[in-house]
Amino acid sequence: MLKFRPILFLGLSLLLLGSSSVLAREWSFQVGTGFSHFEQQVKSEVGGKKGDILVNDSEFNLLVNATTRIWGNLGLGVFAQADWGHRSAGLYNGLDSENSATVNGSIGGAYSEYWLGPLVSYELKSVFFQLGYGAFGRRIDDSRKGIVNDKGSNSGSFSLSPTVAWLIVTGGRFDLDDNLELEIKVEYRIRYYDQRAGENLEFGITHGTQNLSPLIGLSLKI
């Protein structure tokens, strides 16, 4: 099972790049970025003095695709995605003498995630749908010290499960020039991590994550 992801990705990449008929087609390159921020506070009243932040989560996304049509509206390609973020969460501990909220400790930290894999796309006029598979993926997460591997280590990156690592994107394109389009899209990702630092997680557990992210970018055809 550990060799499944690279073998699948290599096979699909060779299928795509090794065909002269595919290489001769028109290619489309898409670059999209996204940003999300979530914050929670406690105040003595609306508009009151700001104290410690209860929850703070910020994330920046970068998604790059290369696709070409292989039959009708159906396309094939590859994608790469990177995410950088920071989250923290604390337990509300009441108000201090100045009516500012206080938090009793907090957990969290910085994280980053990197994906690479094949992509299938379907386009209908200005609307498109894309399905990607995370053939390779790593997540470095300083806030997940409680999740250890079979060796008892809580450091090192998480590795994607070979069965649940899917990327779904839908959106629309708007002409800016003959070969340049503006893209507005929404991305949904669901994935499980089953290893840390190259070892299975303790007791055979899996660590699941899913998110819904808005993205905006450009599409260039050559």
Protein backbone atom coordinates (compact mmCIF):
# COMPACT_ATOMS: atom_id res chain seq x y z
CA MET A 1 0.00 0.00 0.00
CA LEU A 2 2.90 2.40 0.67
CA LYS A 3 3.93 2.26 -3.00
CA PHE A 4 0.43 2.85 -4.35
CA ARG A 5 0.52 6.64 -4.58
CA PRO A 6 3.80 7.14 -6.49
CA ILE A 7 3.07 4.24 -8.86
CA LEU A 8 -0.39 5.59 -9.67
CA PHE A 9 0.88 9.12 -10.16
CA LEU A 10 3.81 8.00 -12.32
CA GLY A 11 1.56 5.81 -14.47
CA LEU A 12 -1.00 8.55 -15.08
CA SER A 13 1.73 11.11 -15.77
CA LEU A 14 3.38 8.86 -18.34
CA LEU A 15 -0.01 8.22 -19.95
CA LEU A 16 -0.56 11.95 -20.22
CA LEU A 17 2.89 13.09 -21.26
CA GLY A 18 3.83 10.12 -23.39
CA SER A 19 1.07 10.59 -25.95
CA SER A 20 2.05 12.82 -28.90
CA SER A 21 -1.60 13.44 -29.72
CA VAL A 22 -2.19 14.86 -26.25
CA LEU A 23 0.96 16.99 -26.38
CA ALA A 24 -0.18 18.46 -29.67
CA ARG A 25 -3.42 19.73 -28.14
CA GLU A 26 -4.14 23.10 -26.62
CA TRP A 27 -3.09 23.37 -22.99
CA SER A 28 -4.68 25.44 -20.27
CA PHE A 29 -2.74 26.61 -17.22
CA GLN A 30 -4.64 27.82 -14.16
CA VAL A 31 -3.31 29.60 -11.09
CA GLY A 32 -5.66 30.29 -8.19
CA THR A 33 -5.21 31.76 -4.73
CA GLY A 34 -7.45 31.85 -1.70
CA PHE A 35 -7.43 33.23 1.83
CA SER A 36 -9.67 32.51 4.79
CA HIS A 37 -9.76 33.87 8.34
CA PHE A 38 -11.92 32.82 11.28
CA GLU A 39 -11.93 34.50 14.68
CA GLN A 40 -13.95 34.22 17.88
CA GLN A 41 -13.93 36.60 20.84
CA VAL A 42 -15.72 37.13 24.12
CA LYS A 43 -16.68 40.67 25.23
CA SER A 44 -18.62 42.10 28.14
CA GLU A 45 -20.92 43.83 25.62
CA VAL A 46 -21.18 44.49 21.90
CA GLY A 47 -18.37 46.87 21.01
CA GLY A 48 -16.70 46.29 24.37
CA LYS A 49 -12.99 46.13 25.05
CA LYS A 50 -11.10 43.46 23.15
CA GLY A 51 -9.31 40.85 25.23
CA ASP A 52 -7.63 37.54 24.47
CA ILE A 53 -8.86 35.93 21.24
CA LEU A 54 -10.67 32.65 21.86
CA VAL A 55 -10.17 31.13 18.38
CA ASN A 56 -7.95 32.46 15.59
CA ASP A 57 -7.48 30.59 12.30
CA SER A 58 -5.95 32.00 9.10
CA GLU A 59 -5.03 30.13 5.90
CA PHE A 60 -3.58 31.00 2.49
CA ASN A 61 -3.99 28.66 -0.51
CA LEU A 62 -2.16 28.38 -3.83
CA LEU A 63 -3.45 25.99 -6.53
CA VAL A 64 -1.77 25.41 -9.93
CA ASN A 65 -3.27 23.22 -12.69
CA ALA A 66 -2.23 22.16 -16.19
CA THR A 67 -5.01 20.54 -18.25
CA THR A 68 -5.74 19.62 -21.85
CA ARG A 69 -8.90 18.34 -23.53
CA ILE A 70 -8.71 14.70 -24.60
CA TRP A 71 -12.28 14.09 -25.78
CA GLY A 72 -15.09 16.61 -26.17
CA ASN A 73 -15.46 18.55 -22.94
CA LEU A 74 -13.38 16.05 -20.97
CA GLY A 75 -9.84 16.96 -19.97
CA LEU A 76 -6.86 15.44 -18.19
CA GLY A 77 -3.98 17.06 -16.38
CA VAL A 78 -2.03 17.49 -13.17
CA PHE A 79 -2.34 19.81 -10.18
CA ALA A 80 -0.16 21.07 -7.35
CA GLN A 81 -1.41 22.81 -4.22
CA ALA A 82 0.22 24.44 -1.23
CA ASP A 83 -1.43 25.78 1.92
CA TRP A 84 0.03 27.80 4.76
CA GLY A 85 -1.81 28.69 7.93
CA HIS A 86 -1.88 29.23 11.67
CA ARG A 87 -4.55 28.31 14.20
CA SER A 88 -5.01 28.69 17.92
CA ALA A 89 -7.84 27.87 20.31
CA GLY A 90 -8.18 28.54 24.03
CA LEU A 91 -10.61 27.97 26.90
CA TYR A 92 -12.56 31.04 28.03
CA ASN A 93 -11.54 31.96 31.58
CA GLY A 94 -13.78 34.95 32.39
CA LEU A 95 -13.25 38.72 32.47
CA ASP A 96 -10.42 40.51 34.22
CA SER A 97 -10.66 43.68 36.34
CA GLU A 98 -10.83 45.81 33.17
CA ASN A 99 -13.66 43.71 31.65
CA SER A 100 -11.31 42.17 29.10
CA ALA A 101 -11.78 38.51 28.24
CA THR A 102 -9.06 36.11 29.34
CA VAL A 103 -8.16 32.69 27.95
CA ASN A 104 -6.83 29.84 30.06
CA GLY A 105 -4.03 28.45 27.90
CA SER A 106 -4.28 27.73 24.20
CA ILE A 107 -3.33 25.05 21.70
CA GLY A 108 -2.36 25.54 18.10
CA GLY A 109 0.51 26.49 15.87
CA ALA A 110 1.59 26.94 12.28
CA TYR A 111 0.91 24.37 9.59
CA SER A 112 1.62 23.81 5.90
CA GLU A 113 0.38 21.25 3.39
CA TYR A 114 1.54 20.20 -0.08
CA TRP A 115 -0.34 18.14 -2.67
CA LEU A 116 0.52 16.80 -6.12
CA GLY A 117 -1.54 14.52 -8.34
CA PRO A 118 -3.55 13.81 -11.51
CA LEU A 119 -6.67 15.76 -12.41
CA VAL A 120 -9.76 15.07 -14.53
CA SER A 121 -11.80 18.05 -15.71
CA TYR A 122 -15.11 18.63 -17.45
CA GLU A 123 -16.05 21.95 -19.04
CA LEU A 124 -19.42 23.16 -20.26
CA LYS A 125 -19.19 26.64 -21.76
CA SER A 126 -17.95 28.87 -18.93
CA VAL A 127 -18.59 26.37 -16.11
CA PHE A 128 -16.13 23.66 -15.12
CA PHE A 129 -15.82 20.75 -12.72
CA GLN A 130 -12.53 19.14 -11.65
CA LEU A 131 -11.70 15.99 -9.70
CA GLY A 132 -8.17 15.48 -8.42
CA TYR A 133 -6.43 12.71 -6.49
CA GLY A 134 -3.63 13.42 -4.02
CA ALA A 135 -1.02 10.96 -5.25
CA PHE A 136 1.54 12.69 -3.06
CA GLY A 137 0.82 14.78 0.00
CA ARG A 138 2.52 15.98 3.16
CA ARG A 139 1.24 18.05 6.09
CA ILE A 140 3.52 19.68 8.62
CA ASP A 141 1.40 20.66 11.64
CA ASP A 142 2.92 22.03 14.84
CA SER A 143 -0.49 21.99 16.56
CA ARG A 144 -0.89 18.21 16.39
CA LYS A 145 1.60 17.15 19.04
CA GLY A 146 -0.92 14.75 20.56
CA ILE A 147 -0.95 12.49 17.49
CA VAL A 148 2.01 10.09 17.59
CA ASN A 149 3.16 7.24 15.37
CA ASP A 150 3.91 3.62 16.27
CA LYS A 151 7.40 4.65 17.38
CA GLY A 152 5.99 7.19 19.83
CA SER A 153 7.17 10.21 17.84
CA ASN A 154 4.99 13.33 17.59
CA SER A 155 7.30 15.16 15.17
CA GLY A 156 7.64 14.88 11.40
CA SER A 157 5.11 15.35 8.63
CA PHE A 158 1.83 13.51 8.11
CA SER A 159 1.38 11.40 4.95
CA LEU A 160 -1.84 11.08 2.97
CA SER A 161 -3.84 7.87 3.03
CA PRO A 162 -3.85 6.17 -0.40
CA THR A 163 -7.63 5.73 -0.32
CA VAL A 164 -9.01 9.08 0.88
CA ALA A 165 -7.22 12.05 -0.69
CA TRP A 166 -9.64 13.82 -3.02
CA LEU A 167 -9.86 17.32 -4.44
CA ILE A 168 -13.12 18.62 -5.95
CA VAL A 169 -13.28 22.02 -7.64
CA THR A 170 -16.17 23.76 -9.38
CA GLY A 171 -16.47 27.28 -10.74
CA GLY A 172 -16.76 29.54 -13.72
CA ARG A 173 -14.51 31.41 -16.17
CA PHE A 174 -14.90 34.88 -17.64
CA ASP A 175 -13.02 36.15 -20.71
CA LEU A 176 -10.39 38.82 -20.17
CA ASP A 177 -8.54 38.40 -23.49
CA ASP A 178 -8.35 35.91 -26.35
CA ASN A 179 -6.38 33.38 -24.30
CA LEU A 180 -6.79 34.75 -20.78
CA GLU A 181 -9.73 34.13 -18.43
CA LEU A 182 -10.65 35.03 -14.88
CA GLU A 183 -11.59 32.07 -12.67
CA ILE A 184 -13.83 32.13 -9.62
CA LYS A 185 -14.15 28.72 -7.98
CA VAL A 186 -14.81 26.76 -4.82
CA GLU A 187 -12.62 23.89 -3.67
CA TYR A 188 -13.57 21.00 -1.43
CA ARG A 189 -10.93 18.64 -0.09
CA ILE A 190 -11.27 15.55 2.03
CA ARG A 191 -8.28 13.56 3.15
CA TYR A 192 -6.99 11.21 5.82
CA TYR A 193 -3.47 10.97 7.16
CA ASP A 194 -2.36 7.50 8.22
CA GLN A 195 1.37 8.01 8.82
CA ARG A 196 3.70 10.41 10.61
CA ALA A 197 7.43 10.57 9.87
CA GLY A 198 7.02 7.52 7.63
CA GLU A 199 5.44 5.33 10.33
CA ASN A 200 1.80 4.31 10.84
CA LEU A 201 -0.09 6.30 13.45
CA GLU A 202 -0.44 4.78 16.91
CA PHE A 203 -3.08 2.04 17.26
CA GLY A 204 -3.74 2.20 13.49
CA ILE A 205 -5.76 5.42 13.77
CA THR A 206 -6.30 7.89 10.94
CA HIS A 207 -6.46 11.68 11.18
CA GLY A 208 -9.20 13.14 8.96
CA THR A 209 -9.44 16.67 7.59
CA GLN A 210 -11.85 18.38 5.22
CA ASN A 211 -12.31 21.98 4.16
CA LEU A 212 -14.24 24.20 1.75
CA SER A 213 -12.26 27.11 0.29
CA PRO A 214 -13.10 29.92 -2.17
CA LEU A 215 -10.43 30.64 -4.80
CA ILE A 216 -9.86 33.27 -7.48
CA GLY A 217 -7.29 33.10 -10.26
CA LEU A 218 -6.37 33.18 -13.93
CA SER A 219 -6.50 30.65 -16.75
CA LEU A 220 -4.11 30.90 -19.72
CA LYS A 221 -4.44 28.84 -22.92
CA ILE A 222 -1.47 28.14 -25.18
